[in-house]
Amino acid sequence: MFRLRLSLAFAALVALVCIQAAFVYRGANRVNDYAQHSRLASDILSELLELSASKQRLRVWASQQLMDANASPEVRDSLLTRMQASTEKLRTLARRDLSLWGGIAALEEVPIPPEVGQLVAMSELLDDNIASVRARLLGLAPLERGAEFASVWQELNGVFDVARGRDLRELINGAIERQRNVMPIARAATERGLDRLRQQTIGLAALTLAAAVVLALYLNRRLQRPLDRLLEGTQALRAGALDHRIALGSRDEFDRVAEHFNAMAAELQQHRHDADAARRRLEDAVLERTSELRAAHQTLQQIDQRRRQLLADLSHELRTPATAIRGEAEIALRGADKPLPEYRETLTRIVGGVKQLTGVIDDLLLVARAEADQLAMRFGAVDLAELLGDATEMAGALGARHNVRVELEAPGADLPGVTLQADADRLRQALVIVLDNAVRYSRTDGTVRVSWQSTDSRVQVRVADEGIGIDADELPTVFERFVRGRRARVHRADGTGIGLSIAQAIVHAHHGHIDIESVPMQGTTVRIELPCLYSPTLSS
């Protein structure tokens, strides 16, 4: 109900505004028509005066021509052109004035003044008169000595002033007089239209304002009581009285709002009960989370212990070659001078220690760059078979010292090779790390087998050993930095635990993947999968 009342009130205001706009538009058009008529009357008067002046100048030129006073043909042609232009403009203005008077006459219900149509007819007479004058003046010659001037001049005046038997001078003078009389009348009509428009606008604006005030007072009275009840209800909810309900009875939209408000209050009351229950559950969850954090704290302590062990291992790895270098140098400097071969052997051992120290430092730098995504790669086309051959040969030299065989299982001779887009040095380093681990953690007289197979777009390299293996619970952490398994620490006391993390960083930089499978005391298999530029249709 209230929505209907509000819609009707707004509709009434909109209707009043539209009526006001219609009256203003109609009055503005009327005033604009009168203003245009006033401007057209002024322009027509100007053209009539200009036409009369041009014709008078042509008379002067004709008298000069008759008296052989060096009358210029250019002046004649210019005046005729100006008369023709004034006639054309006068015709256009007269037609516009006639069209405008048609609208005014229909709106005001008055007849069109006859002089408006006379101007259009007079412009046609002027065209004939100008043509006659042009023809006569083009053949006008100076009078011969003794010729009678008065008769010739009278004949010329007839050409100038008569067209189709009508006196143009009388028509033009009459038109000029009428336009002079029309101008003040048009201005007065414009002012009357403006006054009427102003009065209508003020009256309609006052009516609209009065209607708006009445509607505002009525709507305010209808709004006040239900809004007070709603405000009282919101204040009760704010104070925490969730059992407060708003009374119904107005049978309008505010009743529906009150119903929704009461439903909201009931829902909030239920939510408060649910929140209390949730708070109790949260307290229980906090207790449970506290126990989890306690367990996580213990895990962090274990990680800290591993960090300390790592620092000890790094200290050992760095101290061993440094101590060896220092010992060799002190032995070389102690006592009397020694033979040159003995110094050379000492420097050779020092260089070996420096290489070992440099290798550990390079590994640490490579891990740091990989962690910062700054691992520099120089990609190029690399033959996989040749790369595996180099890595296997390097691992074979290490295996010979540990009585471990390293075998490369090459594909058939009739199969084409595989080309990779890779950094040959970095990829060889990753393969050597994997092969080095396979050799070092293999049993004596064991065998490390290297093989590969390819699909249409990827190639997989497999390195399988027969070594000590890795426990299942340690497999998820084998690629973490500085992590060494229990079996690895028992089998070899030295080692930093960063080799596999370096290999993983290099493989990932080649958009590849590396994973490990292992069975304790049976062996470990490492699979490296890489994208390739070309691969055979069959696999090795």
Protein backbone atom coordinates (compact mmCIF):
# COMPACT_ATOMS: atom_id res chain seq x y z
CA MET A 1 0.00 0.00 0.00
CA PHE A 2 2.65 2.50 0.94
CA ARG A 3 4.60 1.69 -2.21
CA LEU A 4 1.46 2.45 -4.27
CA ARG A 5 0.98 5.80 -2.49
CA LEU A 6 4.64 6.65 -3.06
CA SER A 7 4.40 5.71 -6.75
CA LEU A 8 1.28 7.84 -7.22
CA ALA A 9 2.94 10.82 -5.53
CA PHE A 10 6.00 10.56 -7.76
CA ALA A 11 3.77 10.09 -10.82
CA ALA A 12 1.86 13.29 -9.94
CA LEU A 13 5.12 15.23 -9.57
CA VAL A 14 6.43 13.86 -12.86
CA ALA A 15 3.16 14.78 -14.61
CA LEU A 16 3.37 18.35 -13.28
CA VAL A 17 6.97 18.63 -14.43
CA CYS A 18 6.04 17.29 -17.89
CA ILE A 19 3.13 19.77 -18.18
CA GLN A 20 5.45 22.58 -17.16
CA ALA A 21 8.02 21.45 -19.73
CA ALA A 22 5.32 21.28 -22.45
CA PHE A 23 4.13 24.82 -21.71
CA VAL A 24 7.69 26.13 -21.63
CA TYR A 25 8.52 24.35 -24.89
CA ARG A 26 5.38 25.71 -26.63
CA GLY A 27 6.00 29.24 -25.33
CA ALA A 28 9.67 29.11 -26.29
CA ASN A 29 8.76 28.05 -29.84
CA ARG A 30 6.28 30.92 -30.10
CA VAL A 31 8.86 33.46 -28.87
CA ASN A 32 11.46 31.98 -31.20
CA ASP A 33 9.08 32.34 -34.18
CA TYR A 34 8.44 36.02 -33.35
CA ALA A 35 12.17 36.64 -32.88
CA GLN A 36 12.93 35.02 -36.24
CA HIS A 37 10.19 37.11 -37.87
CA SER A 38 11.75 40.25 -36.40
CA ARG A 39 15.20 39.30 -37.74
CA LEU A 40 13.77 38.43 -41.17
CA ALA A 41 11.94 41.80 -41.34
CA SER A 42 15.21 43.59 -40.57
CA ASP A 43 17.10 41.54 -43.20
CA ILE A 44 14.40 42.12 -45.83
CA LEU A 45 14.49 45.87 -45.14
CA SER A 46 18.29 45.86 -45.54
CA GLU A 47 18.08 44.02 -48.87
CA LEU A 48 15.36 46.34 -50.18
CA LEU A 49 17.45 49.40 -49.28
CA GLU A 50 20.52 47.81 -50.87
CA LEU A 51 18.55 46.99 -54.04
CA SER A 52 17.17 50.56 -54.24
CA ALA A 53 20.64 52.04 -53.75
CA SER A 54 22.17 49.79 -56.42
CA LYS A 55 19.45 50.78 -58.91
CA GLN A 56 20.05 54.46 -58.15
CA ARG A 57 23.79 54.01 -58.80
CA LEU A 58 22.96 52.36 -62.14
CA ARG A 59 20.89 55.45 -63.08
CA VAL A 60 23.93 57.62 -62.36
CA TRP A 61 26.08 55.32 -64.49
CA ALA A 62 23.57 55.51 -67.35
CA SER A 63 23.57 59.31 -67.26
CA GLN A 64 27.37 59.31 -67.37
CA GLN A 65 27.30 56.91 -70.33
CA LEU A 66 24.85 59.10 -72.24
CA MET A 67 27.00 62.16 -71.66
CA ASP A 68 30.14 60.27 -72.65
CA ALA A 69 31.68 60.88 -69.23
CA ASN A 70 33.94 57.75 -69.32
CA ALA A 71 31.45 55.45 -67.53
CA SER A 72 33.25 52.16 -66.66
CA PRO A 73 31.65 48.88 -67.87
CA GLU A 74 33.10 47.15 -64.77
CA VAL A 75 31.03 49.41 -62.50
CA ARG A 76 27.93 48.58 -64.52
CA ASP A 77 28.52 44.84 -64.33
CA SER A 78 29.30 45.03 -60.61
CA LEU A 79 26.07 46.92 -59.85
CA LEU A 80 24.00 44.50 -61.96
CA THR A 81 25.56 41.54 -60.11
CA ARG A 82 24.82 43.15 -56.74
CA MET A 83 21.21 43.77 -57.78
CA GLN A 84 20.84 40.13 -58.88
CA ALA A 85 22.35 38.89 -55.59
CA SER A 86 20.05 41.19 -53.56
CA THR A 87 17.06 39.89 -55.52
CA GLU A 88 18.00 36.24 -54.85
CA LYS A 89 18.54 36.90 -51.16
CA LEU A 90 15.29 38.89 -50.97
CA ARG A 91 13.42 35.96 -52.56
CA THR A 92 14.96 33.50 -50.04
CA LEU A 93 14.13 35.75 -47.08
CA ALA A 94 10.56 36.30 -48.34
CA ARG A 95 9.98 32.54 -48.68
CA ARG A 96 11.37 31.89 -45.19
CA ASP A 97 9.13 34.65 -43.81
CA LEU A 98 6.13 33.14 -45.61
CA SER A 99 6.89 29.68 -44.16
CA LEU A 100 7.39 31.17 -40.68
CA TRP A 101 4.10 33.07 -40.90
CA GLY A 102 2.38 29.80 -41.81
CA GLY A 103 3.46 28.32 -38.45
CA ILE A 104 2.54 31.49 -36.53
CA ALA A 105 -0.87 31.69 -38.20
CA ALA A 106 -1.64 28.04 -37.37
CA LEU A 107 -0.52 28.50 -33.75
CA GLU A 108 -2.23 31.88 -33.15
CA GLU A 109 -5.19 31.18 -35.46
CA VAL A 110 -4.69 34.44 -37.41
CA PRO A 111 -4.49 34.99 -41.21
CA ILE A 112 -1.16 35.42 -43.03
CA PRO A 113 -0.55 39.12 -43.87
CA PRO A 114 -0.95 39.68 -47.67
CA GLU A 115 2.28 41.71 -47.90
CA VAL A 116 4.31 38.55 -47.10
CA GLY A 117 3.15 36.92 -50.35
CA GLN A 118 3.60 40.21 -52.25
CA LEU A 119 7.33 40.14 -51.47
CA VAL A 120 7.73 36.76 -53.18
CA ALA A 121 5.83 38.02 -56.28
CA MET A 122 7.86 41.26 -56.30
CA SER A 123 11.14 39.27 -56.36
CA GLU A 124 9.99 37.63 -59.62
CA LEU A 125 9.21 41.08 -61.11
CA LEU A 126 12.66 42.22 -60.06
CA ASP A 127 14.24 39.34 -62.03
CA ASP A 128 12.47 40.51 -65.20
CA ASN A 129 13.38 44.15 -64.50
CA ILE A 130 17.07 43.32 -63.95
CA ALA A 131 17.13 41.35 -67.22
CA SER A 132 15.58 44.31 -69.09
CA VAL A 133 17.94 46.80 -67.48
CA ARG A 134 20.95 44.58 -68.30
CA ALA A 135 19.93 44.28 -71.94
CA ARG A 136 19.31 48.01 -72.27
CA LEU A 137 22.51 49.10 -70.56
CA LEU A 138 24.66 46.72 -72.60
CA GLY A 139 23.49 48.50 -75.78
CA LEU A 140 23.56 52.03 -74.34
CA ALA A 141 25.89 54.39 -76.30
CA PRO A 142 26.81 58.06 -75.72
CA LEU A 143 24.40 60.58 -77.29
CA GLU A 144 25.44 62.19 -80.50
CA ARG A 145 25.97 65.91 -80.64
CA GLY A 146 22.60 67.68 -80.92
CA ALA A 147 20.55 64.60 -79.78
CA GLU A 148 17.65 65.17 -77.34
CA PHE A 149 18.66 63.94 -73.85
CA ALA A 150 15.20 64.19 -72.21
CA SER A 151 13.47 61.62 -74.45
CA VAL A 152 16.28 59.09 -74.06
CA TRP A 153 16.38 59.57 -70.31
CA GLN A 154 12.63 59.16 -70.05
CA GLU A 155 12.88 55.90 -72.00
CA LEU A 156 15.64 54.67 -69.64
CA ASN A 157 13.55 55.53 -66.58
CA GLY A 158 10.75 53.44 -68.01
CA VAL A 159 13.14 50.48 -68.28
CA PHE A 160 14.34 51.01 -64.70
CA ASP A 161 10.94 51.49 -63.05
CA VAL A 162 8.44 49.34 -64.98
CA ALA A 163 8.15 45.54 -65.14
CA ARG A 164 5.16 43.71 -66.55
CA GLY A 165 3.30 47.01 -66.58
CA ARG A 166 3.78 47.67 -62.84
CA ASP A 167 5.67 50.52 -61.21
CA LEU A 168 8.57 48.88 -59.36
CA ARG A 169 9.55 52.10 -57.64
CA GLU A 170 6.18 52.27 -55.97
CA LEU A 171 6.32 48.57 -55.05
CA ILE A 172 9.82 48.81 -53.54
CA ASN A 173 9.08 52.01 -51.61
CA GLY A 174 5.85 50.49 -50.33
CA ALA A 175 7.66 47.30 -49.28
CA ILE A 176 10.33 49.34 -47.48
CA GLU A 177 7.66 51.28 -45.61
CA ARG A 178 5.80 48.09 -44.65
CA GLN A 179 8.99 46.42 -43.32
CA ARG A 180 9.75 49.50 -41.25
CA ASN A 181 6.29 49.26 -39.75
CA VAL A 182 6.54 45.47 -39.21
CA MET A 183 9.77 45.56 -37.17
CA PRO A 184 8.39 47.29 -34.05
CA ILE A 185 5.27 45.12 -34.24
CA ALA A 186 7.42 41.94 -34.33
CA ARG A 187 9.54 43.15 -31.42
CA ALA A 188 6.40 43.89 -29.40
CA ALA A 189 5.05 40.41 -30.17
CA THR A 190 8.34 38.87 -29.03
CA GLU A 191 8.21 40.77 -25.75
CA ARG A 192 4.58 39.73 -25.19
CA GLY A 193 5.54 36.10 -25.81
CA LEU A 194 8.40 36.37 -23.33
CA ASP A 195 6.09 37.88 -20.70
CA ARG A 196 3.51 35.14 -21.22
CA LEU A 197 6.20 32.45 -21.07
CA ARG A 198 7.62 33.95 -17.85
CA GLN A 199 4.17 34.03 -16.22
CA GLN A 200 3.37 30.46 -17.23
CA THR A 201 6.73 29.21 -15.97
CA ILE A 202 6.37 30.95 -12.61
CA GLY A 203 2.79 29.74 -12.16
CA LEU A 204 3.59 26.12 -13.01
CA ALA A 205 6.73 26.16 -10.83
CA ALA A 206 4.67 27.47 -7.89
CA LEU A 207 2.04 24.77 -8.49
CA THR A 208 4.72 22.06 -8.65
CA LEU A 209 6.37 23.33 -5.46
CA ALA A 210 3.05 23.40 -3.61
CA ALA A 211 2.23 19.84 -4.74
CA ALA A 212 5.70 18.64 -3.69
CA VAL A 213 5.31 20.23 -0.22
CA VAL A 214 1.87 18.64 0.29
CA LEU A 215 3.09 15.22 -0.82
CA ALA A 216 6.20 15.49 1.36
CA LEU A 217 4.12 16.32 4.46
CA TYR A 218 1.73 13.47 3.74
CA LEU A 219 4.49 10.91 3.14
CA ASN A 220 6.44 12.09 6.17
CA ARG A 221 3.38 11.54 8.40
CA ARG A 222 2.87 8.07 6.93
CA LEU A 223 6.57 7.19 7.33
CA GLN A 224 7.20 8.45 10.85
CA ARG A 225 5.33 5.86 12.92
CA PRO A 226 6.63 2.67 11.27
CA LEU A 227 10.16 4.09 11.20
CA ASP A 228 9.95 4.83 14.93
CA ARG A 229 8.97 1.21 15.58
CA LEU A 230 11.87 -0.03 13.44
CA LEU A 231 14.32 2.31 15.21
CA GLU A 232 13.12 1.06 18.57
CA GLY A 233 13.69 -2.52 17.44
CA THR A 234 17.23 -1.83 16.18
CA GLN A 235 18.15 -0.09 19.44
CA ALA A 236 16.87 -3.11 21.37
CA LEU A 237 19.02 -5.44 19.25
CA ARG A 238 22.01 -3.16 19.73
CA ALA A 239 21.49 -3.36 23.49
CA GLY A 240 21.54 -7.17 23.26
CA ALA A 241 17.82 -7.82 23.70
CA LEU A 242 17.55 -10.44 20.96
CA ASP A 243 14.08 -11.47 22.21
CA HIS A 244 12.57 -8.08 21.25
CA ARG A 245 9.89 -8.19 18.49
CA ILE A 246 8.19 -5.35 16.53
CA ALA A 247 4.39 -5.10 16.72
CA LEU A 248 2.46 -5.60 13.46
CA GLY A 249 -0.82 -4.05 12.24
CA SER A 250 -0.22 -1.44 9.51
CA ARG A 251 -0.92 -3.99 6.72
CA ASP A 252 1.57 -2.42 4.31
CA GLU A 253 5.20 -2.83 3.27
CA PHE A 254 6.38 -1.83 6.75
CA ASP A 255 4.53 -4.84 8.16
CA ARG A 256 6.58 -7.08 5.84
CA VAL A 257 9.77 -5.27 6.94
CA ALA A 258 8.78 -5.82 10.57
CA GLU A 259 8.16 -9.51 9.87
CA HIS A 260 11.63 -9.83 8.31
CA PHE A 261 13.11 -7.89 11.24
CA ASN A 262 11.49 -10.28 13.73
CA ALA A 263 12.76 -13.25 11.72
CA MET A 264 16.24 -11.72 11.69
CA ALA A 265 16.12 -11.22 15.47
CA ALA A 266 15.12 -14.85 15.95
CA GLU A 267 17.91 -15.97 13.63
CA LEU A 268 20.44 -13.81 15.49
CA GLN A 269 19.27 -15.34 18.74
CA GLN A 270 19.84 -18.79 17.27
CA HIS A 271 23.23 -17.70 15.94
CA ARG A 272 24.22 -16.56 19.42
CA HIS A 273 23.48 -20.04 20.74
CA ASP A 274 25.40 -21.55 17.83
CA ALA A 275 28.30 -19.12 18.44
CA ASP A 276 28.51 -20.19 22.08
CA ALA A 277 28.68 -23.81 20.98
CA ALA A 278 31.25 -22.94 18.31
CA ARG A 279 33.35 -21.09 20.88
CA ARG A 280 33.44 -24.17 23.04
CA ARG A 281 34.44 -26.25 20.04
CA LEU A 282 37.11 -23.68 19.18
CA GLU A 283 38.55 -23.89 22.66
CA ASP A 284 38.81 -27.64 22.24
CA ALA A 285 40.44 -27.11 18.83
CA VAL A 286 42.91 -24.63 20.34
CA LEU A 287 43.91 -27.20 22.90
CA GLU A 288 44.39 -29.75 20.14
CA ARG A 289 46.33 -27.23 18.04
CA THR A 290 48.53 -26.45 21.03
CA SER A 291 49.51 -30.07 21.25
CA GLU A 292 50.27 -30.05 17.50
CA LEU A 293 52.42 -26.95 17.91
CA ARG A 294 54.23 -28.66 20.73
CA ALA A 295 54.97 -31.55 18.40
CA ALA A 296 56.04 -29.09 15.67
CA HIS A 297 58.36 -27.44 18.18
CA GLN A 298 59.97 -30.76 18.83
CA THR A 299 60.35 -31.25 15.09
CA LEU A 300 62.01 -27.85 14.79
CA GLN A 301 64.41 -28.84 17.53
CA GLN A 302 65.28 -31.93 15.52
CA ILE A 303 65.78 -29.75 12.43
CA ASP A 304 68.03 -27.49 14.45
CA GLN A 305 70.00 -30.54 15.53
CA ARG A 306 70.33 -31.51 11.87
CA ARG A 307 71.50 -27.98 11.07
CA ARG A 308 74.19 -28.24 13.71
CA GLN A 309 75.19 -31.62 12.31
CA LEU A 310 75.32 -30.02 8.85
CA LEU A 311 77.60 -27.25 10.07
CA ALA A 312 79.82 -29.88 11.65
CA ASP A 313 79.88 -31.86 8.37
CA LEU A 314 80.66 -28.73 6.36
CA SER A 315 83.38 -27.80 8.82
CA HIS A 316 84.81 -31.26 8.42
CA GLU A 317 84.60 -31.12 4.62
CA LEU A 318 86.28 -27.73 4.50
CA ARG A 319 88.74 -28.37 7.34
CA THR A 320 90.09 -31.65 5.92
CA PRO A 321 91.54 -30.21 2.67
CA ALA A 322 92.52 -26.97 4.42
CA THR A 323 94.39 -28.92 7.12
CA ALA A 324 96.06 -31.07 4.49
CA ILE A 325 97.14 -27.97 2.54
CA ARG A 326 98.49 -26.32 5.68
CA GLY A 327 100.29 -29.51 6.76
CA GLU A 328 101.96 -29.97 3.39
CA ALA A 329 103.07 -26.33 3.38
CA GLU A 330 104.48 -26.53 6.93
CA ILE A 331 106.37 -29.73 6.13
CA ALA A 332 107.81 -28.10 3.02
CA LEU A 333 108.94 -25.03 5.00
CA ARG A 334 110.34 -26.98 7.97
CA GLY A 335 114.04 -27.81 8.17
CA ALA A 336 116.71 -27.41 5.52
CA ASP A 337 116.19 -26.96 1.82
CA LYS A 338 114.83 -30.02 0.04
CA PRO A 339 115.35 -31.32 -3.47
CA LEU A 340 113.20 -29.87 -6.27
CA PRO A 341 111.24 -33.12 -6.91
CA GLU A 342 110.21 -33.20 -3.27
CA TYR A 343 108.90 -29.59 -3.50
CA ARG A 344 107.06 -30.53 -6.69
CA GLU A 345 105.37 -33.49 -4.99
CA THR A 346 104.37 -31.25 -2.08
CA LEU A 347 102.87 -28.63 -4.44
CA THR A 348 101.04 -31.37 -6.32
CA ARG A 349 99.41 -32.57 -3.08
CA ILE A 350 98.58 -28.94 -2.19
CA VAL A 351 96.93 -28.45 -5.61
CA GLY A 352 94.90 -31.61 -5.05
CA GLY A 353 93.72 -30.31 -1.67
CA VAL A 354 92.83 -26.95 -3.21
CA LYS A 355 90.83 -28.73 -5.92
CA GLN A 356 88.95 -30.68 -3.28
CA LEU A 357 88.26 -27.48 -1.31
CA THR A 358 87.25 -25.64 -4.49
CA GLY A 359 84.86 -28.43 -5.41
CA VAL A 360 83.06 -28.20 -2.07
CA ILE A 361 82.82 -24.41 -2.38
CA ASP A 362 81.57 -24.66 -6.00
CA ASP A 363 78.88 -27.10 -4.90
CA LEU A 364 77.75 -24.71 -2.17
CA LEU A 365 77.69 -21.78 -4.63
CA LEU A 366 75.69 -23.81 -7.17
CA VAL A 367 73.12 -24.69 -4.49
CA ALA A 368 72.83 -21.02 -3.52
CA ARG A 369 72.35 -19.91 -7.15
CA ALA A 370 69.74 -22.61 -7.76
CA GLU A 371 67.85 -21.49 -4.66
CA ALA A 372 67.88 -17.87 -5.94
CA ASP A 373 66.86 -18.93 -9.50
CA GLN A 374 70.16 -17.57 -10.82
CA LEU A 375 71.58 -20.81 -12.20
CA ALA A 376 73.26 -19.79 -15.47
CA MET A 377 72.62 -22.18 -18.38
CA ARG A 378 74.10 -22.20 -21.91
CA PHE A 379 71.74 -24.26 -24.05
CA GLY A 380 72.70 -25.93 -27.31
CA ALA A 381 72.13 -29.10 -29.31
CA VAL A 382 73.61 -32.09 -27.37
CA ASP A 383 73.87 -35.70 -28.55
CA LEU A 384 72.55 -37.88 -25.71
CA ALA A 385 74.60 -40.97 -26.55
CA GLU A 386 77.85 -39.00 -26.60
CA LEU A 387 76.96 -37.25 -23.32
CA LEU A 388 76.15 -40.55 -21.59
CA GLY A 389 79.37 -42.02 -22.93
CA ASP A 390 81.46 -39.23 -21.41
CA ALA A 391 79.68 -39.45 -18.04
CA THR A 392 79.99 -43.27 -17.98
CA GLU A 393 83.69 -43.08 -18.78
CA MET A 394 84.29 -40.62 -15.94
CA ALA A 395 82.27 -42.79 -13.54
CA GLY A 396 84.14 -45.89 -14.75
CA ALA A 397 87.46 -44.40 -13.61
CA LEU A 398 85.98 -43.87 -10.13
CA GLY A 399 84.43 -47.35 -10.15
CA ALA A 400 87.79 -48.93 -10.95
CA ARG A 401 89.15 -47.61 -7.65
CA HIS A 402 86.19 -49.14 -5.77
CA ASN A 403 85.99 -52.41 -7.75
CA VAL A 404 82.60 -51.39 -9.22
CA ARG A 405 81.77 -51.82 -12.90
CA VAL A 406 79.93 -49.07 -14.80
CA GLU A 407 78.19 -50.27 -17.98
CA LEU A 408 76.36 -48.22 -20.64
CA GLU A 409 73.61 -50.20 -22.31
CA ALA A 410 73.56 -48.55 -25.73
CA PRO A 411 70.57 -48.88 -28.09
CA GLY A 412 70.70 -50.82 -31.32
CA ALA A 413 73.02 -49.60 -34.05
CA ASP A 414 70.13 -49.20 -36.53
CA LEU A 415 68.34 -46.64 -34.30
CA PRO A 416 69.01 -42.90 -34.76
CA GLY A 417 70.39 -40.89 -31.86
CA VAL A 418 68.56 -38.47 -29.59
CA THR A 419 69.35 -34.75 -29.60
CA LEU A 420 68.67 -32.59 -26.55
CA GLN A 421 68.44 -28.82 -26.14
CA ALA A 422 70.66 -28.62 -23.07
CA ASP A 423 73.74 -27.20 -21.35
CA ALA A 424 76.18 -30.06 -21.94
CA ASP A 425 78.49 -29.24 -19.02
CA ARG A 426 75.69 -28.85 -16.47
CA LEU A 427 73.81 -31.94 -17.63
CA ARG A 428 77.05 -33.95 -17.57
CA GLN A 429 77.63 -32.70 -14.02
CA ALA A 430 74.18 -33.95 -12.95
CA LEU A 431 74.78 -37.37 -14.54
CA VAL A 432 78.21 -37.65 -12.92
CA ILE A 433 76.69 -36.80 -9.50
CA VAL A 434 74.14 -39.61 -9.90
CA LEU A 435 76.78 -42.06 -11.17
CA ASP A 436 79.20 -41.04 -8.39
CA ASN A 437 76.56 -41.83 -5.75
CA ALA A 438 75.77 -45.12 -7.46
CA VAL A 439 79.45 -46.13 -7.45
CA ARG A 440 80.26 -44.93 -3.92
CA TYR A 441 77.24 -46.63 -2.33
CA SER A 442 77.59 -49.91 -4.29
CA ARG A 443 78.99 -53.09 -2.83
CA THR A 444 82.39 -54.35 -3.96
CA ASP A 445 82.25 -56.15 -7.35
CA GLY A 446 78.81 -54.59 -7.98
CA THR A 447 77.61 -53.21 -11.33
CA VAL A 448 76.09 -49.83 -12.18
CA ARG A 449 73.97 -49.93 -15.37
CA VAL A 450 73.17 -46.85 -17.46
CA SER A 451 70.40 -47.04 -20.08
CA TRP A 452 67.90 -44.78 -21.84
CA GLN A 453 64.66 -44.94 -23.76
CA SER A 454 62.70 -42.31 -25.64
CA THR A 455 59.21 -41.43 -26.84
CA ASP A 456 58.11 -38.89 -29.44
CA SER A 457 59.07 -35.86 -27.36
CA ARG A 458 60.86 -36.99 -24.18
CA VAL A 459 63.76 -39.24 -23.20
CA GLN A 460 64.34 -41.09 -19.93
CA VAL A 461 67.82 -41.96 -18.60
CA ARG A 462 68.04 -44.71 -15.97
CA VAL A 463 70.96 -45.33 -13.58
CA ALA A 464 70.56 -48.57 -11.59
CA ASP A 465 73.03 -49.88 -8.97
CA GLU A 466 73.25 -52.91 -6.69
CA GLY A 467 74.17 -50.97 -3.59
CA ILE A 468 73.02 -50.47 -0.02
CA GLY A 469 69.72 -48.80 -1.01
CA ILE A 470 67.67 -46.20 0.87
CA ASP A 471 65.07 -46.77 3.58
CA ALA A 472 61.47 -46.06 2.52
CA ASP A 473 60.92 -43.36 5.17
CA GLU A 474 63.97 -41.42 3.88
CA LEU A 475 63.03 -41.43 0.16
CA PRO A 476 60.90 -38.20 0.36
CA THR A 477 63.91 -36.25 1.73
CA VAL A 478 66.72 -37.51 -0.55
CA PHE A 479 66.68 -34.29 -2.64
CA GLU A 480 66.80 -31.97 0.37
CA ARG A 481 70.06 -30.12 0.87
CA PHE A 482 72.54 -31.44 3.42
CA VAL A 483 70.40 -34.52 4.17
CA ARG A 484 72.17 -37.92 4.35
CA GLY A 485 70.42 -41.17 5.14
CA ARG A 486 71.30 -43.52 7.94
CA ARG A 487 72.76 -46.15 5.61
CA ALA A 488 74.80 -43.51 3.76
CA ARG A 489 76.37 -42.17 6.95
CA VAL A 490 77.28 -45.71 8.07
CA HIS A 491 78.71 -46.64 4.65
CA ARG A 492 80.67 -43.38 4.21
CA ALA A 493 81.48 -40.95 6.99
CA ASP A 494 82.36 -38.12 4.58
CA GLY A 495 79.92 -36.30 2.27
CA THR A 496 77.87 -33.12 2.43
CA GLY A 497 74.49 -34.37 1.27
CA ILE A 498 74.11 -31.72 -1.47
CA GLY A 499 74.88 -33.78 -4.57
CA LEU A 500 71.34 -34.91 -5.34
CA SER A 501 69.93 -31.43 -4.68
CA ILE A 502 72.43 -30.06 -7.25
CA ALA A 503 71.41 -32.73 -9.75
CA GLN A 504 67.73 -31.93 -9.21
CA ALA A 505 68.30 -28.18 -9.74
CA ILE A 506 70.13 -28.85 -13.02
CA VAL A 507 67.44 -31.23 -14.30
CA HIS A 508 64.67 -28.78 -13.40
CA ALA A 509 66.56 -26.01 -15.21
CA HIS A 510 66.33 -28.27 -18.32
CA HIS A 511 62.54 -28.55 -17.81
CA GLY A 512 63.00 -32.17 -16.79
CA HIS A 513 62.14 -34.42 -13.86
CA ILE A 514 64.22 -36.71 -11.59
CA ASP A 515 62.98 -39.35 -9.16
CA ILE A 516 64.39 -42.29 -7.18
CA GLU A 517 63.22 -45.81 -6.38
CA SER A 518 65.15 -47.95 -3.91
CA VAL A 519 65.00 -51.26 -2.06
CA PRO A 520 67.28 -51.53 1.00
CA MET A 521 70.29 -53.85 0.44
CA GLN A 522 69.17 -54.54 -3.16
CA GLY A 523 69.87 -51.34 -5.03
CA THR A 524 68.66 -47.91 -6.17
CA THR A 525 67.30 -46.71 -9.54
CA VAL A 526 67.45 -43.05 -10.55
CA ARG A 527 65.29 -41.89 -13.50
CA ILE A 528 65.97 -38.60 -15.28
CA GLU A 529 63.32 -37.50 -17.80
CA LEU A 530 64.15 -34.69 -20.27
CA PRO A 531 62.53 -33.10 -23.36
CA CYS A 532 64.29 -33.89 -26.64
CA LEU A 533 64.50 -32.33 -30.09
CA TYR A 534 64.43 -35.68 -31.92
CA SER A 535 63.88 -39.25 -30.81
CA PRO A 536 63.58 -42.54 -32.66
CA THR A 537 60.26 -44.24 -33.09
CA LEU A 538 61.46 -47.31 -31.16
CA SER A 539 62.98 -47.38 -27.69
CA SER A 540 66.26 -48.89 -26.60
